[in-house]
C-alpha cells in the first residue's frame, strides 16, 4: 500500500473515532496523534532499510513535538488511532494490527527480563484505554479492550475486556466472567489497621498499669 493511501486512511479514522474532528485541514494541522503516526511511518521505512540513526532522529523529533514516543522498529497497521496521545510509549518490538485505538498515557512496553520479542502484540480492533500499561511479549486479542489504568502482564483472548492491577478478564465473548469470591472473607485494610492500633493501645495501657503497680509496691 502506498504512503498516500495509508495517510488518507489515517485521517479518515480520526473522523470515525473523534466527533470533535471538523475539517481535514484542522485534523492535519492540529492532531498530535496523527503527526506521531505519520512520523513513525517515515521512521519505520528508514528502520527497515537499516538506516537506524535517521530513524531514531525522526522518532525523537516527533516525540519532542507530540509527546508521543514510538520506537521506529514498531510495526503498526492501518487506521491506527491515538486519541489525546500525550505520554504514549510504544516499544521497539510492538506489533499493532488494523483499526487499533489507544488513549493518552498508554505504555506498550517491556518487562526488562525478555530478549528478542519484548513488547506486546495488539490484534485488529483492539482498544487500550487511558493510562493502561501492557507489558511484555504478550498478545491482546482481536476486538479486546483494556480498561483505564490497568496493568496487563498476560495474554488476553479475543473479544475480551480486561481491568485492574494486575489485569483480569471481566467480559469474554460478550458474557461476564464469573468469579467465585467469598465476599465476606475479603480483607478490609482500614479495619485491619484500626485493630492493630487498638491492640497496640491495649498493650501500652497494660504496660502503664504494670508500671504504676510496681511503683506502689516500692513505696
C-alpha atoms as a PDB file:
ATOM      1  CA  UNK A   1       0.000   0.000   0.000  1.00  0.00           C
ATOM      2  CA  UNK A   2       1.341   3.464  -0.969  1.00  0.00           C
ATOM      3  CA  UNK A   3       2.117   6.090   1.633  1.00  0.00           C
ATOM      4  CA  UNK A   4      -0.564   8.478   0.415  1.00  0.00           C
ATOM      5  CA  UNK A   5      -3.344   5.901   0.653  1.00  0.00           C
ATOM      6  CA  UNK A   6      -2.113   4.942   4.120  1.00  0.00           C
ATOM      7  CA  UNK A   7      -2.029   8.582   5.180  1.00  0.00           C
ATOM      8  CA  UNK A   8      -5.561   9.128   3.840  1.00  0.00           C
ATOM      9  CA  UNK A   9      -6.815   6.202   5.943  1.00  0.00           C
ATOM     10  CA  UNK A  10      -5.031   7.646   8.988  1.00  0.00           C
ATOM     11  CA  UNK A  11      -7.043  10.858   8.508  1.00  0.00           C
ATOM     12  CA  UNK A  12     -10.324   9.062   7.865  1.00  0.00           C
ATOM     13  CA  UNK A  13     -10.089   7.081  11.112  1.00  0.00           C
ATOM     14  CA  UNK A  14      -9.860  10.357  13.059  1.00  0.00           C
ATOM     15  CA  UNK A  15     -13.263  11.378  11.686  1.00  0.00           C
ATOM     16  CA  UNK A  16     -14.642   7.918  12.509  1.00  0.00           C
ATOM     17  CA  UNK A  17     -13.370   7.963  16.101  1.00  0.00           C
ATOM     18  CA  UNK A  18     -13.438  11.614  17.191  1.00  0.00           C
ATOM     19  CA  UNK A  19     -16.735  13.533  16.982  1.00  0.00           C
ATOM     20  CA  UNK A  20     -14.830  16.783  17.631  1.00  0.00           C
ATOM     21  CA  UNK A  21     -12.995  16.491  14.282  1.00  0.00           C
ATOM     22  CA  UNK A  22     -14.408  19.050  11.834  1.00  0.00           C
ATOM     23  CA  UNK A  23     -12.294  19.522   8.716  1.00  0.00           C
ATOM     24  CA  UNK A  24      -9.384  17.795   7.008  1.00  0.00           C
ATOM     25  CA  UNK A  25      -7.364  20.997   7.370  1.00  0.00           C
ATOM     26  CA  UNK A  26      -7.905  21.114  11.135  1.00  0.00           C
ATOM     27  CA  UNK A  27      -7.135  17.432  11.614  1.00  0.00           C
ATOM     28  CA  UNK A  28      -3.948  17.515   9.544  1.00  0.00           C
ATOM     29  CA  UNK A  29      -2.702  20.633  11.306  1.00  0.00           C
ATOM     30  CA  UNK A  30      -3.650  20.090  14.944  1.00  0.00           C
ATOM     31  CA  UNK A  31      -3.893  16.366  15.797  1.00  0.00           C
ATOM     32  CA  UNK A  32      -0.659  15.314  17.519  1.00  0.00           C
ATOM     33  CA  UNK A  33      -1.607  11.620  17.414  1.00  0.00           C
ATOM     34  CA  UNK A  34      -1.840  11.844  13.636  1.00  0.00           C
ATOM     35  CA  UNK A  35       1.506  13.654  13.411  1.00  0.00           C
ATOM     36  CA  UNK A  36       3.129  10.946  15.557  1.00  0.00           C
ATOM     37  CA  UNK A  37       1.758   8.156  13.359  1.00  0.00           C
ATOM     38  CA  UNK A  38       2.868   9.860  10.152  1.00  0.00           C
ATOM     39  CA  UNK A  39       6.342  10.493  11.574  1.00  0.00           C
ATOM     40  CA  UNK A  40       6.525   6.862  12.619  1.00  0.00           C
ATOM     41  CA  UNK A  41       5.631   5.634   9.133  1.00  0.00           C
ATOM     42  CA  UNK A  42       8.592   7.576   7.744  1.00  0.00           C
ATOM     43  CA  UNK A  43      10.901   6.471  10.570  1.00  0.00           C
ATOM     44  CA  UNK A  44       9.861   2.834  10.166  1.00  0.00           C
ATOM     45  CA  UNK A  45      10.626   2.958   6.434  1.00  0.00           C
ATOM     46  CA  UNK A  46      14.189   4.077   7.230  1.00  0.00           C
ATOM     47  CA  UNK A  47      14.433   1.493  10.021  1.00  0.00           C
ATOM     48  CA  UNK A  48      13.513  -1.337   7.634  1.00  0.00           C
ATOM     49  CA  UNK A  49      16.296  -0.204   5.278  1.00  0.00           C
ATOM     50  CA  UNK A  50      18.678  -0.295   8.279  1.00  0.00           C
ATOM     51  CA  UNK A  51      19.126   3.488   8.434  1.00  0.00           C
ATOM     52  CA  UNK A  52      18.750   3.195  12.191  1.00  0.00           C
ATOM     53  CA  UNK A  53      20.253   6.570  13.102  1.00  0.00           C
ATOM     54  CA  UNK A  54      17.993   8.551  10.773  1.00  0.00           C
ATOM     55  CA  UNK A  55      15.005   6.536  12.001  1.00  0.00           C
ATOM     56  CA  UNK A  56      15.797   7.357  15.632  1.00  0.00           C
ATOM     57  CA  UNK A  57      16.305  11.053  14.859  1.00  0.00           C
ATOM     58  CA  UNK A  58      12.868  11.236  13.222  1.00  0.00           C
ATOM     59  CA  UNK A  59      11.382   9.367  16.183  1.00  0.00           C
ATOM     60  CA  UNK A  60      12.955  11.711  18.759  1.00  0.00           C
ATOM     61  CA  UNK A  61      11.924  14.861  16.882  1.00  0.00           C
ATOM     62  CA  UNK A  62       8.376  13.526  16.737  1.00  0.00           C
ATOM     63  CA  UNK A  63       8.488  12.767  20.456  1.00  0.00           C
ATOM     64  CA  UNK A  64       9.635  16.319  21.202  1.00  0.00           C
ATOM     65  CA  UNK A  65       6.761  17.904  19.275  1.00  0.00           C
ATOM     66  CA  UNK A  66       3.945  15.444  20.062  1.00  0.00           C
ATOM     67  CA  UNK A  67       4.734  13.944  23.493  1.00  0.00           C
ATOM     68  CA  UNK A  68       4.267  10.501  21.925  1.00  0.00           C
ATOM     69  CA  UNK A  69       7.190   8.075  21.779  1.00  0.00           C
ATOM     70  CA  UNK A  70       7.015   5.355  19.129  1.00  0.00           C
ATOM     71  CA  UNK A  71      10.152   3.334  18.508  1.00  0.00           C
ATOM     72  CA  UNK A  72      10.858   3.228  14.746  1.00  0.00           C
ATOM     73  CA  UNK A  73      11.057  -0.576  14.904  1.00  0.00           C
ATOM     74  CA  UNK A  74       7.405  -0.962  15.956  1.00  0.00           C
ATOM     75  CA  UNK A  75       5.104  -2.449  13.315  1.00  0.00           C
ATOM     76  CA  UNK A  76       1.821  -0.555  13.017  1.00  0.00           C
ATOM     77  CA  UNK A  77      -1.112  -1.471  10.793  1.00  0.00           C
ATOM     78  CA  UNK A  78      -3.751   0.591   9.006  1.00  0.00           C
ATOM     79  CA  UNK A  79      -6.170   3.040  10.618  1.00  0.00           C
ATOM     80  CA  UNK A  80      -4.284   3.292  13.898  1.00  0.00           C
ATOM     81  CA  UNK A  81      -5.796   5.983  16.141  1.00  0.00           C
ATOM     82  CA  UNK A  82      -4.108   7.669  19.111  1.00  0.00           C
ATOM     83  CA  UNK A  83      -6.598   9.866  20.988  1.00  0.00           C
ATOM     84  CA  UNK A  84      -5.137  12.673  23.152  1.00  0.00           C
ATOM     85  CA  UNK A  85      -1.789  10.941  22.891  1.00  0.00           C
ATOM     86  CA  UNK A  86       0.411  12.731  25.448  1.00  0.00           C
ATOM     87  CA  UNK A  87       2.601  10.235  27.300  1.00  0.00           C
ATOM     88  CA  UNK A  88       2.042   7.277  24.964  1.00  0.00           C
ATOM     89  CA  UNK A  89       5.053   4.940  24.704  1.00  0.00           C
ATOM     90  CA  UNK A  90       5.281   2.138  22.116  1.00  0.00           C
ATOM     91  CA  UNK A  91       8.286  -0.192  22.251  1.00  0.00           C
ATOM     92  CA  UNK A  92      10.573  -1.498  19.530  1.00  0.00           C
ATOM     93  CA  UNK A  93       9.103  -4.974  19.029  1.00  0.00           C
ATOM     94  CA  UNK A  94       5.439  -3.976  19.317  1.00  0.00           C
ATOM     95  CA  UNK A  95       3.145  -5.269  16.592  1.00  0.00           C
ATOM     96  CA  UNK A  96      -0.140  -3.421  16.157  1.00  0.00           C
ATOM     97  CA  UNK A  97      -2.878  -4.648  13.827  1.00  0.00           C
ATOM     98  CA  UNK A  98      -5.508  -2.705  11.897  1.00  0.00           C
ATOM     99  CA  UNK A  99      -8.178  -0.421  13.416  1.00  0.00           C
ATOM    100  CA  UNK A 100      -6.475  -0.291  16.828  1.00  0.00           C
ATOM    101  CA  UNK A 101      -7.205   2.597  19.220  1.00  0.00           C
ATOM    102  CA  UNK A 102      -5.141   3.736  22.198  1.00  0.00           C
ATOM    103  CA  UNK A 103      -5.507   6.712  24.545  1.00  0.00           C
ATOM    104  CA  UNK A 104      -3.202   9.033  26.442  1.00  0.00           C
ATOM    105  CA  UNK A 105      -0.682   7.672  28.893  1.00  0.00           C
ATOM    106  CA  UNK A 106      -0.701   4.150  27.458  1.00  0.00           C
ATOM    107  CA  UNK A 107       2.542   2.174  27.626  1.00  0.00           C
ATOM    108  CA  UNK A 108       3.137  -0.794  25.344  1.00  0.00           C
ATOM    109  CA  UNK A 109       6.424  -1.743  26.942  1.00  0.00           C
ATOM    110  CA  UNK A 110       8.747  -4.496  28.067  1.00  0.00           C
ATOM    111  CA  UNK A 111       9.361  -6.007  31.474  1.00  0.00           C
ATOM    112  CA  UNK A 112      13.142  -5.764  31.189  1.00  0.00           C
ATOM    113  CA  UNK A 113      13.534  -9.546  31.515  1.00  0.00           C
ATOM    114  CA  UNK A 114      12.935 -10.661  27.943  1.00  0.00           C
ATOM    115  CA  UNK A 115      15.103 -10.815  24.848  1.00  0.00           C
ATOM    116  CA  UNK A 116      14.006 -10.817  21.212  1.00  0.00           C
ATOM    117  CA  UNK A 117      10.275 -10.087  21.099  1.00  0.00           C
ATOM    118  CA  UNK A 118       9.974  -7.968  24.246  1.00  0.00           C
ATOM    119  CA  UNK A 119       6.844  -5.918  23.655  1.00  0.00           C
ATOM    120  CA  UNK A 120       3.123  -6.604  23.171  1.00  0.00           C
ATOM    121  CA  UNK A 121       1.157  -7.562  20.087  1.00  0.00           C
ATOM    122  CA  UNK A 122      -2.242  -5.892  19.638  1.00  0.00           C
ATOM    123  CA  UNK A 123      -4.516  -7.662  17.194  1.00  0.00           C
ATOM    124  CA  UNK A 124      -7.069  -5.990  14.920  1.00  0.00           C
ATOM    125  CA  UNK A 125      -9.721  -3.744  16.531  1.00  0.00           C
ATOM    126  CA  UNK A 126      -8.099  -3.809  19.991  1.00  0.00           C
ATOM    127  CA  UNK A 127      -8.578  -0.824  22.304  1.00  0.00           C
ATOM    128  CA  UNK A 128      -6.318   0.250  25.190  1.00  0.00           C
ATOM    129  CA  UNK A 129      -7.791   2.924  27.450  1.00  0.00           C
ATOM    130  CA  UNK A 130      -6.189   5.840  29.279  1.00  0.00           C
ATOM    131  CA  UNK A 131      -3.128   5.127  31.402  1.00  0.00           C
ATOM    132  CA  UNK A 132      -3.102   1.358  30.849  1.00  0.00           C
ATOM    133  CA  UNK A 133       0.224  -0.487  30.851  1.00  0.00           C
ATOM    134  CA  UNK A 134       0.592  -3.557  28.642  1.00  0.00           C
ATOM    135  CA  UNK A 135       3.968  -5.111  29.377  1.00  0.00           C
ATOM    136  CA  UNK A 136       5.996  -7.948  27.938  1.00  0.00           C
ATOM    137  CA  UNK A 137       5.766 -10.221  24.931  1.00  0.00           C
ATOM    138  CA  UNK A 138       2.028 -10.811  25.295  1.00  0.00           C
ATOM    139  CA  UNK A 139      -0.931 -10.641  22.928  1.00  0.00           C
ATOM    140  CA  UNK A 140      -4.072  -8.560  23.274  1.00  0.00           C
ATOM    141  CA  UNK A 141      -6.667 -10.467  21.263  1.00  0.00           C
ATOM    142  CA  UNK A 142      -8.819  -9.262  18.396  1.00  0.00           C
ATOM    143  CA  UNK A 143     -11.551  -6.767  19.394  1.00  0.00           C
ATOM    144  CA  UNK A 144     -10.421  -6.924  23.035  1.00  0.00           C
ATOM    145  CA  UNK A 145     -10.403  -3.934  25.399  1.00  0.00           C
ATOM    146  CA  UNK A 146      -8.025  -2.971  28.200  1.00  0.00           C
ATOM    147  CA  UNK A 147      -9.608  -0.740  30.858  1.00  0.00           C
ATOM    148  CA  UNK A 148      -8.185   2.584  32.005  1.00  0.00           C
ATOM    149  CA  UNK A 149      -5.297   2.296  34.453  1.00  0.00           C
ATOM    150  CA  UNK A 150      -4.989  -1.464  34.082  1.00  0.00           C
ATOM    151  CA  UNK A 151      -1.664  -3.307  34.131  1.00  0.00           C
ATOM    152  CA  UNK A 152      -1.700  -6.322  31.807  1.00  0.00           C
ATOM    153  CA  UNK A 153       1.064  -8.921  32.066  1.00  0.00           C
ATOM    154  CA  UNK A 154      -0.603 -11.961  30.460  1.00  0.00           C
ATOM    155  CA  UNK A 155      -2.223 -12.781  27.130  1.00  0.00           C
ATOM    156  CA  UNK A 156      -5.789 -11.585  26.626  1.00  0.00           C
ATOM    157  CA  UNK A 157      -8.077 -13.775  24.463  1.00  0.00           C
ATOM    158  CA  UNK A 158     -10.076 -12.397  21.529  1.00  0.00           C
ATOM    159  CA  UNK A 159     -13.283 -10.457  22.310  1.00  0.00           C
ATOM    160  CA  UNK A 160     -12.429  -9.894  25.977  1.00  0.00           C
ATOM    161  CA  UNK A 161     -12.382  -6.958  28.407  1.00  0.00           C
ATOM    162  CA  UNK A 162      -9.593  -6.710  30.978  1.00  0.00           C
ATOM    163  CA  UNK A 163      -9.479  -4.413  34.015  1.00  0.00           C
ATOM    164  CA  UNK A 164      -7.441  -3.973  37.186  1.00  0.00           C
ATOM    165  CA  UNK A 165      -3.937  -4.426  38.546  1.00  0.00           C
ATOM    166  CA  UNK A 166      -2.906  -6.982  37.542  1.00  0.00           C
ATOM    167  CA  UNK A 167      -5.365  -7.143  34.655  1.00  0.00           C
ATOM    168  CA  UNK A 168      -8.114  -9.750  34.913  1.00  0.00           C
ATOM    169  CA  UNK A 169     -10.733 -10.734  32.364  1.00  0.00           C
ATOM    170  CA  UNK A 170     -14.210  -9.495  33.316  1.00  0.00           C
ATOM    171  CA  UNK A 171     -16.009  -9.997  29.990  1.00  0.00           C
ATOM    172  CA  UNK A 172     -15.330 -12.639  27.342  1.00  0.00           C
ATOM    173  CA  UNK A 173     -17.343 -13.132  24.165  1.00  0.00           C
ATOM    174  CA  UNK A 174     -19.995 -10.736  25.461  1.00  0.00           C
ATOM    175  CA  UNK A 175     -20.547 -12.542  28.770  1.00  0.00           C
ATOM    176  CA  UNK A 176     -19.398 -11.632  32.265  1.00  0.00           C
ATOM    177  CA  UNK A 177     -16.681 -13.873  33.625  1.00  0.00           C
ATOM    178  CA  UNK A 178     -17.925 -15.211  36.964  1.00  0.00           C
ATOM    179  CA  UNK A 179     -15.515 -15.195  39.854  1.00  0.00           C
ATOM    180  CA  UNK A 180     -16.363 -17.324  42.889  1.00  0.00           C
ATOM    181  CA  UNK A 181     -15.407 -14.972  45.675  1.00  0.00           C
ATOM    182  CA  UNK A 182     -16.273 -15.269  49.357  1.00  0.00           C
ATOM    183  CA  UNK A 183     -17.053 -11.595  49.709  1.00  0.00           C
ATOM    184  CA  UNK A 184     -17.457 -11.884  53.478  1.00  0.00           C
ATOM    185  CA  UNK A 185     -13.848 -13.099  53.662  1.00  0.00           C
ATOM    186  CA  UNK A 186     -12.320 -10.270  51.671  1.00  0.00           C
ATOM    187  CA  UNK A 187      -9.831  -8.248  53.727  1.00  0.00           C
ATOM    188  CA  UNK A 188     -10.763  -4.768  54.902  1.00  0.00           C
ATOM    189  CA  UNK A 189      -7.440  -2.879  55.141  1.00  0.00           C
ATOM    190  CA  UNK A 190      -8.873   0.023  57.188  1.00  0.00           C
ATOM    191  CA  UNK A 191     -10.436  -2.353  59.697  1.00  0.00           C
ATOM    192  CA  UNK A 192      -7.150  -4.257  60.000  1.00  0.00           C
ATOM    193  CA  UNK A 193      -5.170  -1.069  60.672  1.00  0.00           C
ATOM    194  CA  UNK A 194      -7.682   0.041  63.331  1.00  0.00           C
ATOM    195  CA  UNK A 195      -7.468  -3.374  65.002  1.00  0.00           C
ATOM    196  CA  UNK A 196      -3.649  -3.175  65.078  1.00  0.00           C
ATOM    197  CA  UNK A 197      -3.831   0.320  66.594  1.00  0.00           C
ATOM    198  CA  UNK A 198      -6.324  -0.865  69.210  1.00  0.00           C
ATOM    199  CA  UNK A 199      -4.118  -3.849  70.118  1.00  0.00           C
ATOM    200  CA  UNK A 200      -1.114  -1.527  70.476  1.00  0.00           C
ATOM    201  CA  UNK A 201      -3.086   0.841  72.738  1.00  0.00           C
ATOM    202  CA  UNK A 202      -4.198  -2.079  74.907  1.00  0.00           C
ATOM    203  CA  UNK A 203      -0.592  -3.284  75.196  1.00  0.00           C
ATOM    204  CA  UNK A 204       0.662   0.192  76.184  1.00  0.00           C
ATOM    205  CA  UNK A 205      -2.145   0.555  78.740  1.00  0.00           C
ATOM    206  CA  UNK A 206      -1.182  -2.773  80.287  1.00  0.00           C
ATOM    207  CA  UNK A 207       2.491  -1.765  80.486  1.00  0.00           C
ATOM    208  CA  UNK A 208       1.487   1.528  82.093  1.00  0.00           C
ATOM    209  CA  UNK A 209      -0.738  -0.203  84.701  1.00  0.00           C
ATOM    210  CA  UNK A 210       2.024  -2.708  85.477  1.00  0.00           C
ATOM    211  CA  UNK A 211       4.478   0.160  85.923  1.00  0.00           C
ATOM    212  CA  UNK A 212       2.089   2.001  88.271  1.00  0.00           C
ATOM    213  CA  UNK A 213       1.568  -1.202  90.313  1.00  0.00           C
ATOM    214  CA  UNK A 214       5.315  -1.746  90.629  1.00  0.00           C
ATOM    215  CA  UNK A 215       5.801   1.850  91.832  1.00  0.00           C
ATOM    216  CA  UNK A 216       3.096   1.421  94.529  1.00  0.00           C
ATOM    217  CA  UNK A 217       4.785  -1.739  95.817  1.00  0.00           C
ATOM    218  CA  UNK A 218       8.109   0.091  96.017  1.00  0.00           C
ATOM    219  CA  UNK A 219       6.542   2.768  98.241  1.00  0.00           C
END
